[in-house]
Amino acid sequence: MSDQPLAPVPPFEPPYYTVVFTSVRTVPDDEEGGDDGYDATSTRMDEIVASVPGFLGMESARTPGGLGITVGYFRDEDAIKEWRGDAEHRAAQKRGRGEWYEKYSVHVAKVERSYGFERG
């Protein structure tokens, strides 16, 4: 994960798309030996997706119980297709199914409204 200040991704001018990846790890992050290359791969995936034309941003969170949610924001479906088809991303997906995830789901949605609030 990034060392960016704590803040939500700002609203963008619709329409755009979100990809919501919700997962449960096979070994929780806080257990001994629970990494097995996961953190390095996650960091690399962050780098790759950030280079995809049309990538707008990403937010991630994990509950103490181990439910993880990552939301990626993309300008259009072509950007999502490029990310989905990236060779390193596909290899990470395969490893995720084989080692890191007990279960996951992916939801893709078109955003038609977007707004935010910031105090100050």
C-alpha atoms as a PDB file:
ATOM      1  CA  MET A   1       0.000   0.000   0.000  1.00  0.00           C
ATOM      2  CA  SER A   2       1.019   3.578  -0.538  1.00  0.00           C
ATOM      3  CA  ASP A   3       2.484   6.047   1.978  1.00  0.00           C
ATOM      4  CA  GLN A   4       0.099   8.741   0.719  1.00  0.00           C
ATOM      5  CA  PRO A   5      -1.786  10.862   3.294  1.00  0.00           C
ATOM      6  CA  LEU A   6      -5.086   9.383   4.464  1.00  0.00           C
ATOM      7  CA  ALA A   7      -7.745  10.704   2.080  1.00  0.00           C
ATOM      8  CA  PRO A   8     -10.417   9.310  -0.214  1.00  0.00           C
ATOM      9  CA  VAL A   9      -9.917   9.400  -3.964  1.00  0.00           C
ATOM     10  CA  PRO A  10     -11.562  12.650  -5.091  1.00  0.00           C
ATOM     11  CA  PRO A  11     -14.723  12.657  -7.189  1.00  0.00           C
ATOM     12  CA  PHE A  12     -14.209  12.668 -10.952  1.00  0.00           C
ATOM     13  CA  GLU A  13     -16.374  13.933 -13.776  1.00  0.00           C
ATOM     14  CA  PRO A  14     -18.729  11.079 -14.714  1.00  0.00           C
ATOM     15  CA  PRO A  15     -19.066   8.812 -16.423  1.00  0.00           C
ATOM     16  CA  TYR A  16     -16.168   6.643 -15.328  1.00  0.00           C
ATOM     17  CA  TYR A  17     -15.820   3.099 -14.017  1.00  0.00           C
ATOM     18  CA  THR A  18     -14.946   1.348 -10.796  1.00  0.00           C
ATOM     19  CA  VAL A  19     -13.534  -2.114 -10.297  1.00  0.00           C
ATOM     20  CA  VAL A  20     -14.233  -3.372  -6.774  1.00  0.00           C
ATOM     21  CA  PHE A  21     -12.064  -6.290  -5.643  1.00  0.00           C
ATOM     22  CA  THR A  22     -13.215  -7.834  -2.350  1.00  0.00           C
ATOM     23  CA  SER A  23     -11.132 -10.643  -0.883  1.00  0.00           C
ATOM     24  CA  VAL A  24     -10.410 -12.918   2.050  1.00  0.00           C
ATOM     25  CA  ARG A  25      -6.787 -14.040   2.383  1.00  0.00           C
ATOM     26  CA  THR A  26      -5.820 -17.669   3.049  1.00  0.00           C
ATOM     27  CA  VAL A  27      -3.458 -16.465   5.794  1.00  0.00           C
ATOM     28  CA  PRO A  28      -4.321 -13.206   7.606  1.00  0.00           C
ATOM     29  CA  ASP A  29      -1.727 -10.415   7.297  1.00  0.00           C
ATOM     30  CA  ASP A  30      -0.924 -10.513  11.012  1.00  0.00           C
ATOM     31  CA  GLU A  31      -0.100 -14.244  11.179  1.00  0.00           C
ATOM     32  CA  GLU A  32       3.486 -15.501  11.181  1.00  0.00           C
ATOM     33  CA  GLY A  33       4.621 -16.263   7.633  1.00  0.00           C
ATOM     34  CA  GLY A  34       1.475 -14.756   6.161  1.00  0.00           C
ATOM     35  CA  ASP A  35       3.195 -12.680   3.475  1.00  0.00           C
ATOM     36  CA  ASP A  36       4.861 -15.170   1.078  1.00  0.00           C
ATOM     37  CA  GLY A  37       5.536 -12.462  -1.504  1.00  0.00           C
ATOM     38  CA  TYR A  38       2.104 -10.900  -1.248  1.00  0.00           C
ATOM     39  CA  ASP A  39       3.248  -7.428  -0.153  1.00  0.00           C
ATOM     40  CA  ALA A  40       5.910  -7.144  -2.869  1.00  0.00           C
ATOM     41  CA  THR A  41       3.431  -8.290  -5.516  1.00  0.00           C
ATOM     42  CA  SER A  42       0.808  -5.853  -4.238  1.00  0.00           C
ATOM     43  CA  THR A  43       3.302  -2.999  -4.453  1.00  0.00           C
ATOM     44  CA  ARG A  44       4.232  -4.023  -7.996  1.00  0.00           C
ATOM     45  CA  MET A  45       0.557  -4.187  -9.018  1.00  0.00           C
ATOM     46  CA  ASP A  46       0.095  -0.641  -7.633  1.00  0.00           C
ATOM     47  CA  GLU A  47       2.975   0.528  -9.853  1.00  0.00           C
ATOM     48  CA  ILE A  48       1.649  -1.203 -12.963  1.00  0.00           C
ATOM     49  CA  VAL A  49      -1.969  -0.060 -12.634  1.00  0.00           C
ATOM     50  CA  ALA A  50      -0.801   3.532 -12.048  1.00  0.00           C
ATOM     51  CA  SER A  51       0.856   3.441 -15.497  1.00  0.00           C
ATOM     52  CA  VAL A  52      -2.325   2.382 -17.325  1.00  0.00           C
ATOM     53  CA  PRO A  53      -3.699   5.261 -19.443  1.00  0.00           C
ATOM     54  CA  GLY A  54      -7.124   6.083 -18.019  1.00  0.00           C
ATOM     55  CA  PHE A  55      -6.355   4.914 -14.473  1.00  0.00           C
ATOM     56  CA  LEU A  56      -7.724   7.543 -12.075  1.00  0.00           C
ATOM     57  CA  GLY A  57      -6.866   6.224  -8.611  1.00  0.00           C
ATOM     58  CA  MET A  58      -7.347   3.506  -6.047  1.00  0.00           C
ATOM     59  CA  GLU A  59      -8.446   2.980  -2.434  1.00  0.00           C
ATOM     60  CA  SER A  60      -7.877  -0.094  -0.255  1.00  0.00           C
ATOM     61  CA  ALA A  61      -8.870  -1.192   3.228  1.00  0.00           C
ATOM     62  CA  ARG A  62      -8.719  -4.403   5.237  1.00  0.00           C
ATOM     63  CA  THR A  63     -10.772  -5.224   8.311  1.00  0.00           C
ATOM     64  CA  PRO A  64      -9.165  -6.775  11.406  1.00  0.00           C
ATOM     65  CA  GLY A  65     -11.025  -9.984  10.492  1.00  0.00           C
ATOM     66  CA  GLY A  66      -9.280 -10.118   7.103  1.00  0.00           C
ATOM     67  CA  LEU A  67     -11.862  -8.843   4.595  1.00  0.00           C
ATOM     68  CA  GLY A  68     -10.032  -6.691   2.031  1.00  0.00           C
ATOM     69  CA  ILE A  69     -11.608  -4.227  -0.363  1.00  0.00           C
ATOM     70  CA  THR A  70      -9.791  -2.425  -3.164  1.00  0.00           C
ATOM     71  CA  VAL A  71     -11.608  -0.007  -5.456  1.00  0.00           C
ATOM     72  CA  GLY A  72      -9.903   1.049  -8.673  1.00  0.00           C
ATOM     73  CA  TYR A  73     -11.198   4.007 -10.682  1.00  0.00           C
ATOM     74  CA  PHE A  74     -10.841   4.072 -14.453  1.00  0.00           C
ATOM     75  CA  ARG A  75     -11.851   6.615 -17.105  1.00  0.00           C
ATOM     76  CA  ASP A  76     -13.251   3.985 -19.488  1.00  0.00           C
ATOM     77  CA  GLU A  77     -13.619   0.283 -20.214  1.00  0.00           C
ATOM     78  CA  ASP A  78     -10.519   0.298 -22.434  1.00  0.00           C
ATOM     79  CA  ALA A  79      -8.400   1.191 -19.392  1.00  0.00           C
ATOM     80  CA  ILE A  80      -9.955  -1.700 -17.449  1.00  0.00           C
ATOM     81  CA  LYS A  81      -9.259  -4.074 -20.345  1.00  0.00           C
ATOM     82  CA  GLU A  82      -5.622  -2.971 -20.463  1.00  0.00           C
ATOM     83  CA  TRP A  83      -5.238  -3.539 -16.717  1.00  0.00           C
ATOM     84  CA  ARG A  84      -7.025  -6.890 -16.839  1.00  0.00           C
ATOM     85  CA  GLY A  85      -4.819  -8.050 -19.734  1.00  0.00           C
ATOM     86  CA  ASP A  86      -1.441  -7.009 -18.295  1.00  0.00           C
ATOM     87  CA  ALA A  87       0.837 -10.082 -18.205  1.00  0.00           C
ATOM     88  CA  GLU A  88       2.222  -9.397 -14.701  1.00  0.00           C
ATOM     89  CA  HIS A  89      -1.282  -8.739 -13.384  1.00  0.00           C
ATOM     90  CA  ARG A  90      -2.513 -12.027 -14.874  1.00  0.00           C
ATOM     91  CA  ALA A  91       0.408 -13.891 -13.245  1.00  0.00           C
ATOM     92  CA  ALA A  92      -0.441 -12.266  -9.895  1.00  0.00           C
ATOM     93  CA  GLN A  93      -4.087 -13.301 -10.321  1.00  0.00           C
ATOM     94  CA  LYS A  94      -3.020 -16.894 -10.907  1.00  0.00           C
ATOM     95  CA  ARG A  95      -0.795 -16.856  -7.839  1.00  0.00           C
ATOM     96  CA  GLY A  96      -3.603 -15.249  -5.840  1.00  0.00           C
ATOM     97  CA  ARG A  97      -5.987 -18.072  -6.709  1.00  0.00           C
ATOM     98  CA  GLY A  98      -3.295 -20.649  -5.942  1.00  0.00           C
ATOM     99  CA  GLU A  99      -1.868 -19.224  -2.711  1.00  0.00           C
ATOM    100  CA  TRP A 100      -3.133 -15.953  -1.298  1.00  0.00           C
ATOM    101  CA  TYR A 101      -6.928 -15.895  -1.463  1.00  0.00           C
ATOM    102  CA  GLU A 102      -9.534 -18.058   0.173  1.00  0.00           C
ATOM    103  CA  LYS A 103     -12.158 -16.277  -1.921  1.00  0.00           C
ATOM    104  CA  TYR A 104     -12.689 -13.046  -3.814  1.00  0.00           C
ATOM    105  CA  SER A 105     -15.201 -11.227  -5.960  1.00  0.00           C
ATOM    106  CA  VAL A 106     -14.846  -8.540  -8.613  1.00  0.00           C
ATOM    107  CA  HIS A 107     -17.555  -6.015  -9.434  1.00  0.00           C
ATOM    108  CA  VAL A 108     -17.325  -3.536 -12.322  1.00  0.00           C
ATOM    109  CA  ALA A 109     -19.662  -0.553 -12.339  1.00  0.00           C
ATOM    110  CA  LYS A 110     -20.243   2.607 -14.336  1.00  0.00           C
ATOM    111  CA  VAL A 111     -20.349   5.718 -12.137  1.00  0.00           C
ATOM    112  CA  GLU A 112     -23.004   8.204 -13.137  1.00  0.00           C
ATOM    113  CA  ARG A 113     -22.781  10.574 -10.134  1.00  0.00           C
ATOM    114  CA  SER A 114     -19.778  11.595  -8.091  1.00  0.00           C
ATOM    115  CA  TYR A 115     -19.379  14.156  -5.329  1.00  0.00           C
ATOM    116  CA  GLY A 116     -17.456  14.703  -2.122  1.00  0.00           C
ATOM    117  CA  PHE A 117     -16.937  16.810   0.981  1.00  0.00           C
ATOM    118  CA  GLU A 118     -13.855  18.199   2.670  1.00  0.00           C
ATOM    119  CA  ARG A 119     -13.876  20.156   5.924  1.00  0.00           C
ATOM    120  CA  GLY A 120     -12.001  23.430   5.964  1.00  0.00           C
END
